[in-house]
Amino acid sequence: MKRCPVCRRDYADETLNFCLDDGSALLDGPASMDEPATAVFGVPPSGGTYSNERTHVFGSEPTEGGAQNRNSIAVLPFVNVSPDPDNEYFCDGLAEELLNALSKIDKLKVAARTSAFSFKAKNVSVGEIGEKLGVEKVLE
């Protein structure tokens, strides 16, 4: 059972990761809102500690390019850590499949593949990528 921390809607579908109503990340476990020890919370990629507050990849204040889009995500290409260079296509395909699946969720803005993949093999922080793409979350 999963529960949305914002609207408190329960979902029996274990494959869902985001609330269908507001796009918030779902918490795992029965009664996760009443028993924080059973809840799973995200940690910012830059490190940090667990908390019962919603965590963000970076701050939610407006950036130079304008306000960030709430309920938005970018899917970066995955790194091929296998010794076989042919698996690069598999890594890219997996990221594309996730991007396509996420784009079917109403009220969730997904950064374009071309834009997200432009950061492939670049040494740029996740926060910078999120700001440049104008998204709230970044999946790497």
C-alpha atoms as a PDB file:
ATOM      1  CA  MET A   1       0.000   0.000   0.000  1.00  0.00           C
ATOM      2  CA  LYS A   2       1.270   3.471  -0.871  1.00  0.00           C
ATOM      3  CA  ARG A   3      -0.017   6.841   0.315  1.00  0.00           C
ATOM      4  CA  CYS A   4       0.287  10.388  -0.960  1.00  0.00           C
ATOM      5  CA  PRO A   5       1.708  12.680   1.759  1.00  0.00           C
ATOM      6  CA  VAL A   6      -0.170  15.693   0.362  1.00  0.00           C
ATOM      7  CA  CYS A   7      -3.712  14.512  -0.377  1.00  0.00           C
ATOM      8  CA  ARG A   8      -3.441  11.334   1.782  1.00  0.00           C
ATOM      9  CA  ARG A   9      -4.926   9.173  -0.990  1.00  0.00           C
ATOM     10  CA  ASP A  10      -4.070   5.461  -0.699  1.00  0.00           C
ATOM     11  CA  TYR A  11      -2.946   3.400  -3.684  1.00  0.00           C
ATOM     12  CA  ALA A  12      -2.952  -0.405  -3.803  1.00  0.00           C
ATOM     13  CA  ASP A  13      -0.971  -0.409  -7.064  1.00  0.00           C
ATOM     14  CA  GLU A  14       2.637  -0.937  -5.947  1.00  0.00           C
ATOM     15  CA  THR A  15       3.980   0.106  -9.357  1.00  0.00           C
ATOM     16  CA  LEU A  16       2.878   3.724  -8.865  1.00  0.00           C
ATOM     17  CA  ASN A  17       5.516   6.111  -7.561  1.00  0.00           C
ATOM     18  CA  PHE A  18       3.676   9.419  -7.880  1.00  0.00           C
ATOM     19  CA  CYS A  19       0.194  10.543  -6.826  1.00  0.00           C
ATOM     20  CA  LEU A  20      -2.209  10.684  -9.752  1.00  0.00           C
ATOM     21  CA  ASP A  21      -3.934  13.759  -8.264  1.00  0.00           C
ATOM     22  CA  ASP A  22      -1.030  16.050  -7.392  1.00  0.00           C
ATOM     23  CA  GLY A  23       2.156  14.324  -8.623  1.00  0.00           C
ATOM     24  CA  SER A  24       3.735  14.013  -5.162  1.00  0.00           C
ATOM     25  CA  ALA A  25       6.099  11.122  -4.509  1.00  0.00           C
ATOM     26  CA  LEU A  26       4.206   8.304  -2.786  1.00  0.00           C
ATOM     27  CA  LEU A  27       5.269   6.863   0.558  1.00  0.00           C
ATOM     28  CA  ASP A  28       5.641   3.100   0.981  1.00  0.00           C
ATOM     29  CA  GLY A  29       4.161   0.986   3.725  1.00  0.00           C
ATOM     30  CA  PRO A  30       0.893   0.657   5.596  1.00  0.00           C
ATOM     31  CA  ALA A  31      -0.042   3.657   7.691  1.00  0.00           C
ATOM     32  CA  SER A  32       3.098   5.446   6.547  1.00  0.00           C
ATOM     33  CA  MET A  33       1.645   8.821   7.505  1.00  0.00           C
ATOM     34  CA  ASP A  34       0.924   7.695  11.062  1.00  0.00           C
ATOM     35  CA  GLU A  35       4.124   5.709  11.537  1.00  0.00           C
ATOM     36  CA  PRO A  36       7.050   7.675  10.086  1.00  0.00           C
ATOM     37  CA  ALA A  37       9.400   4.755  10.773  1.00  0.00           C
ATOM     38  CA  THR A  38       7.644   2.767   8.017  1.00  0.00           C
ATOM     39  CA  ALA A  39       7.728   5.573   5.468  1.00  0.00           C
ATOM     40  CA  VAL A  40      10.318   5.934   2.733  1.00  0.00           C
ATOM     41  CA  PHE A  41      11.462   9.488   2.095  1.00  0.00           C
ATOM     42  CA  GLY A  42      13.699  10.886  -0.618  1.00  0.00           C
ATOM     43  CA  VAL A  43      17.088  12.390   0.044  1.00  0.00           C
ATOM     44  CA  PRO A  44      18.482  15.191  -2.111  1.00  0.00           C
ATOM     45  CA  PRO A  45      21.235  13.935  -4.464  1.00  0.00           C
ATOM     46  CA  SER A  46      23.627  16.410  -2.860  1.00  0.00           C
ATOM     47  CA  GLY A  47      23.348  14.507   0.421  1.00  0.00           C
ATOM     48  CA  GLY A  48      21.461  15.411   3.536  1.00  0.00           C
ATOM     49  CA  THR A  49      19.377  13.681   6.125  1.00  0.00           C
ATOM     50  CA  TYR A  50      16.019  11.975   6.120  1.00  0.00           C
ATOM     51  CA  SER A  51      13.090  14.072   7.206  1.00  0.00           C
ATOM     52  CA  ASN A  52       9.320  14.024   7.041  1.00  0.00           C
ATOM     53  CA  GLU A  53       9.383  17.125   4.830  1.00  0.00           C
ATOM     54  CA  ARG A  54       9.179  16.801   1.051  1.00  0.00           C
ATOM     55  CA  THR A  55      12.694  16.955  -0.285  1.00  0.00           C
ATOM     56  CA  HIS A  56      13.718  18.637  -3.497  1.00  0.00           C
ATOM     57  CA  VAL A  57      16.718  18.321  -5.755  1.00  0.00           C
ATOM     58  CA  PHE A  58      17.195  22.055  -5.289  1.00  0.00           C
ATOM     59  CA  GLY A  59      15.264  24.962  -3.814  1.00  0.00           C
ATOM     60  CA  SER A  60      11.787  25.784  -5.063  1.00  0.00           C
ATOM     61  CA  GLU A  61      12.372  29.504  -5.316  1.00  0.00           C
ATOM     62  CA  PRO A  62      12.223  31.130  -8.759  1.00  0.00           C
ATOM     63  CA  THR A  63      15.406  30.994 -10.817  1.00  0.00           C
ATOM     64  CA  GLU A  64      16.858  33.538 -13.219  1.00  0.00           C
ATOM     65  CA  GLY A  65      15.029  31.888 -16.108  1.00  0.00           C
ATOM     66  CA  GLY A  66      11.684  32.121 -14.310  1.00  0.00           C
ATOM     67  CA  ALA A  67       9.697  30.039 -11.864  1.00  0.00           C
ATOM     68  CA  GLN A  68      10.316  26.309 -11.745  1.00  0.00           C
ATOM     69  CA  ASN A  69       7.517  24.102 -12.967  1.00  0.00           C
ATOM     70  CA  ARG A  70       5.843  22.314 -10.095  1.00  0.00           C
ATOM     71  CA  ASN A  71       5.305  18.591 -10.646  1.00  0.00           C
ATOM     72  CA  SER A  72       8.033  18.386 -13.239  1.00  0.00           C
ATOM     73  CA  ILE A  73      10.870  15.948 -13.848  1.00  0.00           C
ATOM     74  CA  ALA A  74      13.788  15.340 -16.170  1.00  0.00           C
ATOM     75  CA  VAL A  75      15.092  11.832 -16.872  1.00  0.00           C
ATOM     76  CA  LEU A  76      18.819  11.876 -17.530  1.00  0.00           C
ATOM     77  CA  PRO A  77      20.516   9.127 -19.548  1.00  0.00           C
ATOM     78  CA  PHE A  78      21.848   6.295 -17.413  1.00  0.00           C
ATOM     79  CA  VAL A  79      25.564   5.560 -17.269  1.00  0.00           C
ATOM     80  CA  ASN A  80      26.726   2.234 -18.687  1.00  0.00           C
ATOM     81  CA  VAL A  81      28.762   0.722 -15.855  1.00  0.00           C
ATOM     82  CA  SER A  82      29.064  -2.684 -17.509  1.00  0.00           C
ATOM     83  CA  PRO A  83      32.276  -3.728 -19.282  1.00  0.00           C
ATOM     84  CA  ASP A  84      30.304  -4.188 -22.545  1.00  0.00           C
ATOM     85  CA  PRO A  85      30.057  -0.920 -24.520  1.00  0.00           C
ATOM     86  CA  ASP A  86      27.091  -2.355 -26.457  1.00  0.00           C
ATOM     87  CA  ASN A  87      24.989  -1.919 -23.310  1.00  0.00           C
ATOM     88  CA  GLU A  88      25.063   1.851 -23.893  1.00  0.00           C
ATOM     89  CA  TYR A  89      21.984   1.426 -26.106  1.00  0.00           C
ATOM     90  CA  PHE A  90      20.243  -0.483 -23.324  1.00  0.00           C
ATOM     91  CA  CYS A  91      20.952   2.313 -20.833  1.00  0.00           C
ATOM     92  CA  ASP A  92      19.631   4.963 -23.213  1.00  0.00           C
ATOM     93  CA  GLY A  93      16.589   2.841 -24.048  1.00  0.00           C
ATOM     94  CA  LEU A  94      15.774   2.324 -20.377  1.00  0.00           C
ATOM     95  CA  ALA A  95      15.908   6.075 -19.732  1.00  0.00           C
ATOM     96  CA  GLU A  96      13.710   6.699 -22.786  1.00  0.00           C
ATOM     97  CA  GLU A  97      11.131   4.138 -21.634  1.00  0.00           C
ATOM     98  CA  LEU A  98      10.951   5.790 -18.194  1.00  0.00           C
ATOM     99  CA  LEU A  99      10.619   9.197 -19.820  1.00  0.00           C
ATOM    100  CA  ASN A 100       7.796   7.957 -22.052  1.00  0.00           C
ATOM    101  CA  ALA A 101       5.968   6.309 -19.144  1.00  0.00           C
ATOM    102  CA  LEU A 102       6.248   9.438 -16.991  1.00  0.00           C
ATOM    103  CA  SER A 103       4.997  11.649 -19.818  1.00  0.00           C
ATOM    104  CA  LYS A 104       1.671   9.773 -19.703  1.00  0.00           C
ATOM    105  CA  ILE A 105       0.965  11.026 -16.174  1.00  0.00           C
ATOM    106  CA  ASP A 106      -1.452  13.948 -16.204  1.00  0.00           C
ATOM    107  CA  LYS A 107      -0.247  17.095 -14.450  1.00  0.00           C
ATOM    108  CA  LEU A 108       3.408  15.980 -14.677  1.00  0.00           C
ATOM    109  CA  LYS A 109       5.672  17.965 -16.974  1.00  0.00           C
ATOM    110  CA  VAL A 110       8.534  15.859 -18.325  1.00  0.00           C
ATOM    111  CA  ALA A 111      11.562  17.549 -19.877  1.00  0.00           C
ATOM    112  CA  ALA A 112      12.151  16.622 -23.502  1.00  0.00           C
ATOM    113  CA  ARG A 113      14.507  13.739 -24.229  1.00  0.00           C
ATOM    114  CA  THR A 114      16.767  15.883 -26.418  1.00  0.00           C
ATOM    115  CA  SER A 115      17.121  18.488 -23.681  1.00  0.00           C
ATOM    116  CA  ALA A 116      17.780  15.960 -20.901  1.00  0.00           C
ATOM    117  CA  PHE A 117      20.170  13.851 -23.006  1.00  0.00           C
ATOM    118  CA  SER A 118      22.213  16.951 -23.883  1.00  0.00           C
ATOM    119  CA  PHE A 119      23.771  16.565 -20.415  1.00  0.00           C
ATOM    120  CA  LYS A 120      25.051  13.052 -21.179  1.00  0.00           C
ATOM    121  CA  ALA A 121      28.688  12.586 -20.098  1.00  0.00           C
ATOM    122  CA  LYS A 122      28.865  16.209 -18.910  1.00  0.00           C
ATOM    123  CA  ASN A 123      30.206  17.157 -15.486  1.00  0.00           C
ATOM    124  CA  VAL A 124      27.252  19.300 -14.362  1.00  0.00           C
ATOM    125  CA  SER A 125      25.555  19.123 -10.955  1.00  0.00           C
ATOM    126  CA  VAL A 126      22.015  17.776 -10.733  1.00  0.00           C
ATOM    127  CA  GLY A 127      20.848  21.099  -9.287  1.00  0.00           C
ATOM    128  CA  GLU A 128      22.241  23.009 -12.277  1.00  0.00           C
ATOM    129  CA  ILE A 129      20.615  20.573 -14.695  1.00  0.00           C
ATOM    130  CA  GLY A 130      17.266  20.994 -12.952  1.00  0.00           C
ATOM    131  CA  GLU A 131      17.548  24.757 -13.089  1.00  0.00           C
ATOM    132  CA  LYS A 132      18.546  24.791 -16.768  1.00  0.00           C
ATOM    133  CA  LEU A 133      15.699  22.438 -17.711  1.00  0.00           C
ATOM    134  CA  GLY A 134      13.218  24.255 -15.439  1.00  0.00           C
ATOM    135  CA  VAL A 135      12.154  21.114 -13.564  1.00  0.00           C
ATOM    136  CA  GLU A 136      11.553  20.353  -9.901  1.00  0.00           C
ATOM    137  CA  LYS A 137      13.024  16.811  -9.884  1.00  0.00           C
ATOM    138  CA  VAL A 138      15.838  15.108 -11.768  1.00  0.00           C
ATOM    139  CA  LEU A 139      16.164  11.336 -12.168  1.00  0.00           C
ATOM    140  CA  GLU A 140      19.722  10.232 -12.808  1.00  0.00           C
END
